[in-house]
Amino acid sequence: MLCSHSIAHRLSKKLAIFTAIVIGMVSSASWFSVAMMVKQRNLQDLGVRCDLLADILSLEAQNGGETAVLQRLHTDAPMRARTRLEVWRPDGQLFYADATPASMQASEHVRAHEFAIDAPGLPGGQLRARYSVDFTSSAKLGARWAIILSVVTLMAGVVVALGSAWFVRRSLKPLNLLAAQTRAISPRQLDQRLALADPAEELSPWIVQFNALMDRLQQAYGQLEAFNADVAHELRTPLATLIGETEVALSRERSPQALRETLQSNLEEMQRLSALVNDMLFLSQADRGVTARRGAPVSLAGLAAQVSEFHEATLEDAGLALRIEGDATLPVDEPLVKRALSNLLGNATRFAEPGSTVVIAIAPAPEPQQVQVVVQNRGEAIAADHLPRLFDRFFRVDSARCCEDGQHHGLGLAIVAAIARMHAGRTVAESASGTTRVGFTLAT
């Protein structure tokens, strides 16, 4: 089983982590920048203090000698809190040293700067000094800021996680609504469609595609129901005939001649049933995506001529003439194309006006790399609303156009459509001003 997960939870967690990382990086960069600035400022301040001390002590040495320098050092000692000044004579002898503050003894943040003091009134004319400063307060301030920035980063991550979770859940409400609409769809309610008052741009393609899928499913479901009813209707008549004739034959003694006639009639009905079943099996194979087995390129006009020879007697009986116009050479499944042409020609022969001419027209189709084969006849026009269903299984326009001989069960044009699909083509149906054109296209 696949483990499900929450998109809202994942998005909120990832946004929180990403926000925390970004804020943490910015905070770290800010802290290091400020720390470097403070360190630089402290070193500059240390240098300024040393220069000031050097100037003051040099002036005292010039005016009052060693006594004045020592007195000044002792006087200013209380003002040098958290610092320590050490002064040496030129020969290395200690001249003066501040007491070491207790805080400086264990501090890791002491910085020292050594410098020289010009002392004209003292032996050697110069003193060496070292000034040490404890910057623990600056370090503590930096540590406090590091803690504050860390807390701010964590708090920002939490706030973003909560806010993004709320926002994502609110943004995903349309998905929940679509899920509820989907659950409402059932075989009894195939007309239901997905709809949102304000669909997001990302959801619109899914809604359109799902609704288109439901349209196709509803159409297929309706065709399946109609197909089942039509099959039952088509099978009922020959089965009833077989049962009735057999019951009559068995009701009393019959002569061999009468039984022979009954068997012959039953054979005709069974042949009709066999043809119906074979046609249904062929359509089933076509629906499963079987493609035509194309052979060597052949002349479509030549195939049409062969089919016309088979229908020659039927055309003559109906008082019709036949003409083949155009030609094209391409690889096709010859038996299938012949079957499609035979179905179209038989259909046109049944409904053409006596004395008219049936035309088999072969020409390039409007689509690129397609050849169009159309059978045209003069006769009663087909209503425009019937043309889209002309290639449906068991569809008959009306009783006036339906044959009464029982030999045609309404699958001929459906087989034509299947053969066209098997050749990557489509069907053609036009009827206007007494002229009907029905055919199909073939991919080259």
Protein backbone atom coordinates (compact mmCIF):
# COMPACT_ATOMS: atom_id res chain seq x y z
CA MET A 1 0.00 0.00 0.00
CA LEU A 2 1.19 3.50 -0.81
CA CYS A 3 1.48 5.84 2.16
CA SER A 4 -0.49 9.04 1.67
CA HIS A 5 0.75 12.41 2.83
CA SER A 6 -0.65 15.88 3.33
CA ILE A 7 0.30 18.45 0.72
CA ALA A 8 -0.54 21.25 3.16
CA HIS A 9 1.71 19.74 5.84
CA ARG A 10 4.58 19.21 3.43
CA LEU A 11 4.34 22.68 1.92
CA SER A 12 4.08 24.41 5.30
CA LYS A 13 7.02 22.42 6.68
CA LYS A 14 9.18 23.08 3.64
CA LEU A 15 8.27 26.79 3.61
CA ALA A 16 9.08 27.03 7.32
CA ILE A 17 12.43 25.28 6.88
CA PHE A 18 13.27 27.40 3.83
CA THR A 19 12.30 30.60 5.65
CA ALA A 20 14.30 29.63 8.72
CA ILE A 21 17.34 28.84 6.59
CA VAL A 22 17.11 32.12 4.68
CA ILE A 23 16.55 34.21 7.81
CA GLY A 24 19.30 32.27 9.58
CA MET A 25 21.73 32.96 6.74
CA VAL A 26 20.79 36.64 6.68
CA SER A 27 21.05 36.86 10.48
CA SER A 28 24.41 35.09 10.48
CA ALA A 29 25.74 37.37 7.78
CA SER A 30 24.46 40.41 9.68
CA TRP A 31 25.94 39.18 12.95
CA PHE A 32 29.36 38.50 11.45
CA SER A 33 29.32 41.85 9.68
CA VAL A 34 28.43 43.70 12.90
CA ALA A 35 30.99 41.65 14.85
CA MET A 36 33.72 42.60 12.41
CA MET A 37 32.68 46.24 12.56
CA VAL A 38 32.68 46.22 16.38
CA LYS A 39 36.07 44.49 16.46
CA GLN A 40 37.50 47.01 14.03
CA ARG A 41 36.01 49.87 15.99
CA ASN A 42 37.45 48.51 19.27
CA LEU A 43 40.91 48.20 17.72
CA GLN A 44 40.66 51.73 16.37
CA ASP A 45 39.52 52.99 19.77
CA LEU A 46 42.44 51.16 21.39
CA GLY A 47 44.85 52.86 19.00
CA VAL A 48 43.31 56.27 19.67
CA ARG A 49 43.60 55.75 23.43
CA CYS A 50 47.25 54.77 23.08
CA ASP A 51 48.01 57.83 20.95
CA LEU A 52 46.26 60.05 23.51
CA LEU A 53 48.21 58.48 26.38
CA ALA A 54 51.46 58.90 24.47
CA ASP A 55 50.78 62.59 23.85
CA ILE A 56 49.77 63.27 27.49
CA LEU A 57 52.74 61.44 29.01
CA SER A 58 55.16 63.00 26.54
CA LEU A 59 53.92 66.44 27.52
CA GLU A 60 54.21 65.63 31.24
CA ALA A 61 57.79 64.31 30.76
CA GLN A 62 58.75 67.45 28.92
CA ASN A 63 57.29 69.77 31.56
CA GLY A 64 57.88 67.96 34.84
CA GLY A 65 60.14 65.04 34.22
CA GLU A 66 59.80 61.57 35.71
CA THR A 67 57.91 62.76 38.79
CA ALA A 68 55.22 64.47 36.73
CA VAL A 69 54.82 61.37 34.54
CA LEU A 70 54.39 59.03 37.51
CA GLN A 71 52.02 61.42 39.22
CA ARG A 72 49.88 61.62 36.09
CA LEU A 73 49.85 57.87 35.71
CA HIS A 74 48.71 57.39 39.31
CA THR A 75 46.11 60.14 39.02
CA ASP A 76 44.53 58.74 35.86
CA ALA A 77 44.59 55.11 37.02
CA PRO A 78 41.01 55.14 38.41
CA MET A 79 39.72 56.29 35.01
CA ARG A 80 41.23 53.28 33.27
CA ALA A 81 38.59 50.75 34.41
CA ARG A 82 38.83 47.26 32.87
CA THR A 83 42.18 48.28 31.35
CA ARG A 84 45.87 47.93 32.32
CA LEU A 85 48.77 50.16 31.40
CA GLU A 86 52.36 49.02 31.65
CA VAL A 87 55.37 51.32 31.04
CA TRP A 88 59.09 50.33 30.73
CA ARG A 89 62.26 52.31 30.61
CA PRO A 90 64.48 52.02 27.55
CA ASP A 91 66.67 49.47 29.38
CA GLY A 92 63.66 47.18 30.04
CA GLN A 93 63.18 48.16 33.70
CA LEU A 94 59.52 48.45 34.73
CA PHE A 95 58.64 52.13 35.13
CA TYR A 96 54.94 51.81 35.99
CA ALA A 97 52.19 49.18 35.95
CA ASP A 98 48.47 49.31 36.80
CA ALA A 99 47.03 46.69 39.06
CA THR A 100 45.53 43.81 37.07
CA PRO A 101 41.70 43.87 37.42
CA ALA A 102 40.24 40.56 38.53
CA SER A 103 37.93 40.53 35.50
CA MET A 104 40.89 40.65 33.13
CA GLN A 105 42.67 37.68 34.66
CA ALA A 106 40.16 35.12 33.39
CA SER A 107 38.97 37.02 30.32
CA GLU A 108 39.53 35.68 26.81
CA HIS A 109 38.73 39.01 25.20
CA VAL A 110 41.74 41.11 26.25
CA ARG A 111 43.46 43.03 23.48
CA ALA A 112 46.84 44.74 23.98
CA HIS A 113 48.61 47.43 21.98
CA GLU A 114 52.27 48.33 22.40
CA PHE A 115 53.52 51.81 21.59
CA ALA A 116 56.41 54.19 22.27
CA ILE A 117 56.29 57.44 24.32
CA ASP A 118 58.66 60.29 23.59
CA ALA A 119 60.00 61.51 26.97
CA PRO A 120 62.56 64.32 26.45
CA GLY A 121 63.04 64.90 30.20
CA LEU A 122 63.74 61.25 31.07
CA PRO A 123 66.94 59.18 30.68
CA GLY A 124 67.04 57.67 27.23
CA GLY A 125 64.39 60.10 25.97
CA GLN A 126 61.78 57.40 25.39
CA LEU A 127 59.48 54.97 27.21
CA ARG A 128 57.84 51.75 25.97
CA ALA A 129 54.27 51.04 26.95
CA ARG A 130 51.60 48.38 26.56
CA TYR A 131 47.93 49.20 26.95
CA SER A 132 45.54 46.23 27.49
CA VAL A 133 41.74 46.56 27.27
CA ASP A 134 39.11 43.96 28.22
CA PHE A 135 36.37 43.80 25.56
CA THR A 136 34.25 41.26 27.45
CA SER A 137 31.24 43.61 27.38
CA SER A 138 31.36 43.74 23.58
CA ALA A 139 31.64 39.94 23.44
CA LYS A 140 28.65 39.55 25.77
CA LEU A 141 26.66 41.98 23.65
CA GLY A 142 27.53 39.95 20.55
CA ALA A 143 26.48 36.72 22.30
CA ARG A 144 23.17 38.28 23.33
CA TRP A 145 22.56 39.40 19.76
CA ALA A 146 23.37 35.89 18.50
CA ILE A 147 20.77 34.45 20.88
CA ILE A 148 18.22 37.07 19.85
CA LEU A 149 18.80 36.42 16.16
CA SER A 150 18.51 32.65 16.71
CA VAL A 151 15.24 33.08 18.56
CA VAL A 152 13.96 35.41 15.86
CA THR A 153 14.89 32.83 13.20
CA LEU A 154 13.08 30.04 15.05
CA MET A 155 10.05 32.22 15.74
CA ALA A 156 9.93 33.28 12.08
CA GLY A 157 10.02 29.61 11.05
CA VAL A 158 7.15 28.79 13.41
CA VAL A 159 5.09 31.77 12.28
CA VAL A 160 5.68 30.93 8.63
CA ALA A 161 4.79 27.28 9.26
CA LEU A 162 1.50 28.21 10.95
CA GLY A 163 0.68 30.91 8.42
CA SER A 164 1.56 28.81 5.39
CA ALA A 165 -0.39 25.84 6.77
CA TRP A 166 -3.48 28.02 7.13
CA PHE A 167 -2.97 29.61 3.74
CA VAL A 168 -2.28 26.32 1.96
CA ARG A 169 -5.33 24.67 3.51
CA ARG A 170 -7.41 27.65 2.45
CA SER A 171 -5.94 27.51 -1.06
CA LEU A 172 -6.61 23.76 -1.30
CA LYS A 173 -10.33 24.15 -0.54
CA PRO A 174 -11.15 24.08 -4.29
CA LEU A 175 -9.53 20.61 -4.45
CA ASN A 176 -11.76 19.41 -1.62
CA LEU A 177 -14.75 20.84 -3.45
CA LEU A 178 -13.73 19.07 -6.65
CA ALA A 179 -13.30 15.83 -4.69
CA ALA A 180 -16.82 16.20 -3.29
CA GLN A 181 -18.19 16.83 -6.79
CA THR A 182 -16.34 13.78 -8.08
CA ARG A 183 -17.81 11.59 -5.34
CA ALA A 184 -21.29 12.70 -6.42
CA ILE A 185 -20.76 11.22 -9.90
CA SER A 186 -22.26 7.75 -10.34
CA PRO A 187 -23.59 5.59 -13.18
CA ARG A 188 -27.00 7.12 -12.51
CA GLN A 189 -25.60 10.66 -12.59
CA LEU A 190 -23.13 10.70 -15.44
CA ASP A 191 -24.33 14.17 -16.41
CA GLN A 192 -22.60 15.71 -13.37
CA ARG A 193 -19.58 17.88 -14.20
CA LEU A 194 -16.86 19.61 -12.20
CA ALA A 195 -17.21 23.35 -11.76
CA LEU A 196 -15.68 26.07 -9.58
CA ALA A 197 -16.90 29.64 -9.13
CA ASP A 198 -13.35 31.00 -9.39
CA PRO A 199 -11.08 28.23 -10.69
CA ALA A 200 -7.35 28.66 -10.34
CA GLU A 201 -5.28 28.79 -13.51
CA GLU A 202 -3.55 25.53 -12.55
CA LEU A 203 -6.86 23.72 -11.96
CA SER A 204 -8.65 24.84 -15.11
CA PRO A 205 -6.90 22.34 -17.46
CA TRP A 206 -7.69 19.48 -15.07
CA ILE A 207 -11.36 20.50 -14.84
CA VAL A 208 -11.67 20.85 -18.61
CA GLN A 209 -9.97 17.52 -19.29
CA PHE A 210 -12.00 15.69 -16.63
CA ASN A 211 -15.26 17.11 -17.97
CA ALA A 212 -14.25 16.13 -21.50
CA LEU A 213 -13.47 12.63 -20.21
CA MET A 214 -16.90 12.49 -18.58
CA ASP A 215 -18.50 13.61 -21.85
CA ARG A 216 -16.80 10.75 -23.67
CA LEU A 217 -17.67 8.32 -20.89
CA GLN A 218 -21.31 9.38 -20.86
CA GLN A 219 -21.47 9.06 -24.63
CA ALA A 220 -19.81 5.62 -24.52
CA TYR A 221 -22.10 4.50 -21.70
CA GLY A 222 -25.14 5.64 -23.67
CA GLN A 223 -23.88 3.88 -26.78
CA LEU A 224 -23.27 0.72 -24.74
CA GLU A 225 -26.80 0.74 -23.36
CA ALA A 226 -28.22 1.41 -26.81
CA PHE A 227 -25.94 -1.26 -28.27
CA ASN A 228 -27.16 -3.85 -25.79
CA ALA A 229 -30.76 -2.99 -26.56
CA ASP A 230 -30.11 -3.07 -30.30
CA VAL A 231 -28.32 -6.42 -30.09
CA ALA A 232 -31.20 -7.89 -28.13
CA HIS A 233 -33.64 -6.50 -30.67
CA GLU A 234 -31.66 -7.80 -33.63
CA LEU A 235 -31.24 -11.27 -32.12
CA ARG A 236 -34.83 -11.56 -30.94
CA THR A 237 -36.42 -11.71 -34.40
CA PRO A 238 -34.29 -14.51 -35.93
CA LEU A 239 -34.36 -16.48 -32.67
CA ALA A 240 -38.13 -16.15 -32.47
CA THR A 241 -38.37 -17.28 -36.10
CA LEU A 242 -36.15 -20.29 -35.45
CA ILE A 243 -38.10 -21.28 -32.34
CA GLY A 244 -41.48 -20.77 -34.00
CA GLU A 245 -40.69 -22.72 -37.16
CA THR A 246 -39.10 -25.52 -35.13
CA GLU A 247 -42.12 -25.75 -32.83
CA VAL A 248 -44.47 -25.85 -35.82
CA ALA A 249 -42.35 -28.56 -37.45
CA LEU A 250 -42.46 -30.64 -34.27
CA SER A 251 -46.15 -30.12 -33.59
CA ARG A 252 -47.17 -32.93 -35.97
CA GLU A 253 -45.79 -35.33 -38.46
CA ARG A 254 -44.15 -33.65 -41.44
CA SER A 255 -43.11 -34.91 -44.82
CA PRO A 256 -39.42 -34.97 -45.67
CA GLN A 257 -39.99 -32.10 -48.10
CA ALA A 258 -41.63 -29.94 -45.40
CA LEU A 259 -38.84 -30.68 -42.95
CA ARG A 260 -36.29 -29.85 -45.61
CA GLU A 261 -37.98 -26.46 -46.17
CA THR A 262 -38.05 -25.81 -42.43
CA LEU A 263 -34.36 -26.63 -42.12
CA GLN A 264 -33.55 -24.44 -45.10
CA SER A 265 -35.44 -21.52 -43.54
CA ASN A 266 -33.71 -22.10 -40.21
CA LEU A 267 -30.34 -22.22 -41.99
CA GLU A 268 -31.00 -18.79 -43.50
CA GLU A 269 -31.83 -17.36 -40.08
CA MET A 270 -28.71 -18.93 -38.56
CA GLN A 271 -26.59 -17.54 -41.37
CA ARG A 272 -28.04 -14.14 -40.60
CA LEU A 273 -27.17 -14.62 -36.92
CA SER A 274 -23.68 -15.75 -37.85
CA ALA A 275 -23.16 -12.67 -40.02
CA LEU A 276 -24.38 -10.46 -37.18
CA VAL A 277 -22.03 -12.09 -34.67
CA ASN A 278 -19.09 -11.89 -37.07
CA ASP A 279 -19.72 -8.19 -37.64
CA MET A 280 -19.93 -7.57 -33.91
CA LEU A 281 -16.66 -9.44 -33.34
CA PHE A 282 -14.99 -7.38 -36.06
CA LEU A 283 -16.18 -4.13 -34.46
CA SER A 284 -14.99 -5.35 -31.07
CA GLN A 285 -11.51 -5.97 -32.46
CA ALA A 286 -11.48 -2.53 -34.07
CA ASP A 287 -12.50 -0.95 -30.76
CA ARG A 288 -9.53 -2.61 -29.07
CA GLY A 289 -7.20 -0.69 -31.36
CA VAL A 290 -6.40 -3.29 -34.02
CA THR A 291 -4.75 -1.61 -37.02
CA ALA A 292 -4.95 -2.54 -40.66
CA ARG A 293 -2.34 -4.82 -42.19
CA ARG A 294 -1.10 -2.74 -45.07
CA GLY A 295 0.36 -4.52 -48.06
CA ALA A 296 2.04 -3.27 -51.20
CA PRO A 297 0.68 -0.02 -52.74
CA VAL A 298 -2.42 -0.67 -54.86
CA SER A 299 -4.76 1.38 -57.01
CA LEU A 300 -7.91 2.35 -55.14
CA ALA A 301 -9.73 2.73 -58.46
CA GLY A 302 -8.78 -0.87 -59.25
CA LEU A 303 -10.22 -2.05 -55.92
CA ALA A 304 -13.38 -0.03 -56.59
CA ALA A 305 -13.69 -1.69 -60.02
CA GLN A 306 -13.44 -5.15 -58.45
CA VAL A 307 -16.17 -4.27 -55.93
CA SER A 308 -18.39 -2.82 -58.65
CA GLU A 309 -18.21 -6.10 -60.59
CA PHE A 310 -19.59 -7.89 -57.54
CA HIS A 311 -22.50 -5.40 -57.35
CA GLU A 312 -23.08 -5.29 -61.08
CA ALA A 313 -26.25 -7.41 -60.99
CA THR A 314 -27.70 -5.44 -58.06
CA LEU A 315 -27.03 -2.13 -59.81
CA GLU A 316 -28.63 -3.40 -62.99
CA ASP A 317 -31.74 -4.59 -61.14
CA ALA A 318 -32.05 -1.15 -59.46
CA GLY A 319 -31.63 0.62 -62.83
CA LEU A 320 -28.46 2.40 -61.75
CA ALA A 321 -25.24 3.26 -63.51
CA LEU A 322 -21.81 3.36 -61.86
CA ARG A 323 -18.87 5.68 -62.47
CA ILE A 324 -15.43 5.73 -60.83
CA GLU A 325 -13.69 9.10 -60.67
CA GLY A 326 -10.07 9.72 -59.66
CA ASP A 327 -7.48 7.33 -58.34
CA ALA A 328 -4.75 7.04 -55.75
CA THR A 329 -2.07 4.44 -55.09
CA LEU A 330 -1.18 3.65 -51.49
CA PRO A 331 -0.62 0.65 -49.21
CA VAL A 332 -3.88 -0.54 -47.63
CA ASP A 333 -5.47 -3.67 -46.26
CA GLU A 334 -7.19 -4.73 -49.51
CA PRO A 335 -9.89 -7.01 -48.01
CA LEU A 336 -10.91 -4.34 -45.52
CA VAL A 337 -11.04 -1.53 -48.08
CA LYS A 338 -13.05 -3.75 -50.42
CA ARG A 339 -15.45 -4.51 -47.59
CA ALA A 340 -15.89 -0.81 -46.81
CA LEU A 341 -16.47 0.00 -50.49
CA SER A 342 -18.94 -2.88 -50.77
CA ASN A 343 -20.90 -1.62 -47.75
CA LEU A 344 -21.00 1.93 -49.12
CA LEU A 345 -21.96 0.81 -52.60
CA GLY A 346 -24.69 -1.49 -51.27
CA ASN A 347 -26.05 1.34 -49.11
CA ALA A 348 -26.07 3.76 -52.06
CA THR A 349 -27.73 1.16 -54.31
CA ARG A 350 -30.62 0.69 -51.88
CA PHE A 351 -31.42 4.37 -51.57
CA ALA A 352 -30.47 5.84 -54.97
CA GLU A 353 -33.13 7.07 -57.38
CA PRO A 354 -33.75 4.62 -60.23
CA GLY A 355 -32.05 5.75 -63.42
CA SER A 356 -29.41 7.83 -61.60
CA THR A 357 -25.67 7.28 -61.51
CA VAL A 358 -23.73 6.18 -58.45
CA VAL A 359 -20.26 7.74 -58.33
CA ILE A 360 -17.20 6.40 -56.48
CA ALA A 361 -14.96 9.47 -56.11
CA ILE A 362 -11.29 9.08 -55.08
CA ALA A 363 -9.37 12.31 -54.37
CA PRO A 364 -6.96 13.88 -51.89
CA ALA A 365 -8.66 14.72 -48.59
CA PRO A 366 -8.60 18.21 -47.06
CA GLU A 367 -6.24 16.90 -44.37
CA PRO A 368 -2.58 16.43 -45.35
CA GLN A 369 -1.43 12.89 -46.20
CA GLN A 370 -5.02 11.61 -46.45
CA VAL A 371 -6.96 10.18 -49.41
CA GLN A 372 -10.74 10.44 -49.50
CA VAL A 373 -13.00 7.72 -50.92
CA VAL A 374 -16.66 8.75 -51.25
CA VAL A 375 -19.70 7.01 -52.74
CA GLN A 376 -22.23 9.53 -54.08
CA ASN A 377 -25.84 8.91 -55.06
CA ARG A 378 -28.97 10.87 -55.91
CA GLY A 379 -31.97 10.31 -53.68
CA GLU A 380 -33.87 11.46 -50.64
CA ALA A 381 -31.69 13.73 -48.49
CA ILE A 382 -30.74 12.72 -44.96
CA ALA A 383 -31.69 15.14 -42.20
CA ALA A 384 -28.76 17.14 -40.79
CA ASP A 385 -29.37 15.91 -37.24
CA HIS A 386 -29.11 12.29 -38.44
CA LEU A 387 -25.74 12.69 -40.19
CA PRO A 388 -23.58 12.60 -37.00
CA ARG A 389 -25.20 9.25 -36.03
CA LEU A 390 -25.05 7.72 -39.47
CA PHE A 391 -22.07 5.53 -38.55
CA ASP A 392 -23.48 4.41 -35.17
CA ARG A 393 -24.18 0.72 -34.71
CA PHE A 394 -27.71 -0.40 -35.53
CA PHE A 395 -28.70 3.15 -36.39
CA ARG A 396 -31.40 3.55 -39.04
CA VAL A 397 -32.55 6.95 -40.16
CA ASP A 398 -36.23 6.00 -40.37
CA SER A 399 -38.52 3.20 -41.38
CA ALA A 400 -38.78 4.52 -44.92
CA ARG A 401 -35.03 4.06 -45.42
CA CYS A 402 -34.90 0.70 -43.65
CA CYS A 403 -34.84 -2.44 -45.70
CA GLU A 404 -37.59 -4.94 -45.21
CA ASP A 405 -35.75 -7.96 -46.52
CA GLY A 406 -34.13 -8.61 -43.14
CA GLN A 407 -30.64 -8.90 -44.66
CA HIS A 408 -29.28 -5.61 -43.33
CA HIS A 409 -28.94 -5.23 -39.56
CA GLY A 410 -27.52 -1.71 -39.38
CA LEU A 411 -23.80 -2.44 -38.92
CA GLY A 412 -22.59 -1.72 -42.45
CA LEU A 413 -21.64 1.92 -41.95
CA ALA A 414 -20.31 1.20 -38.45
CA ILE A 415 -17.92 -1.29 -40.09
CA VAL A 416 -16.92 1.41 -42.61
CA ALA A 417 -16.07 3.74 -39.69
CA ALA A 418 -14.04 0.98 -38.01
CA ILE A 419 -12.08 0.29 -41.21
CA ALA A 420 -11.37 4.02 -41.56
CA ARG A 421 -10.02 4.16 -37.98
CA MET A 422 -7.87 1.08 -38.65
CA HIS A 423 -6.29 3.05 -41.52
CA ALA A 424 -5.84 6.20 -39.37
CA GLY A 425 -8.68 7.90 -41.24
CA ARG A 426 -12.14 9.26 -40.53
CA THR A 427 -15.66 9.06 -41.93
CA VAL A 428 -17.36 11.47 -44.34
CA ALA A 429 -21.12 12.10 -44.53
CA GLU A 430 -22.86 14.91 -46.43
CA SER A 431 -26.40 15.18 -47.72
CA ALA A 432 -27.95 18.21 -49.39
CA SER A 433 -30.03 19.10 -52.46
CA GLY A 434 -30.85 15.47 -53.12
CA THR A 435 -27.23 14.34 -53.22
CA THR A 436 -25.77 12.13 -50.50
CA ARG A 437 -22.02 11.59 -50.15
CA VAL A 438 -20.83 8.94 -47.68
CA GLY A 439 -17.28 7.67 -47.42
CA PHE A 440 -14.05 7.62 -45.49
CA THR A 441 -10.43 8.73 -45.62
CA LEU A 442 -7.23 6.70 -45.56
CA ALA A 443 -3.84 7.81 -44.27
CA THR A 444 -1.11 7.59 -46.86
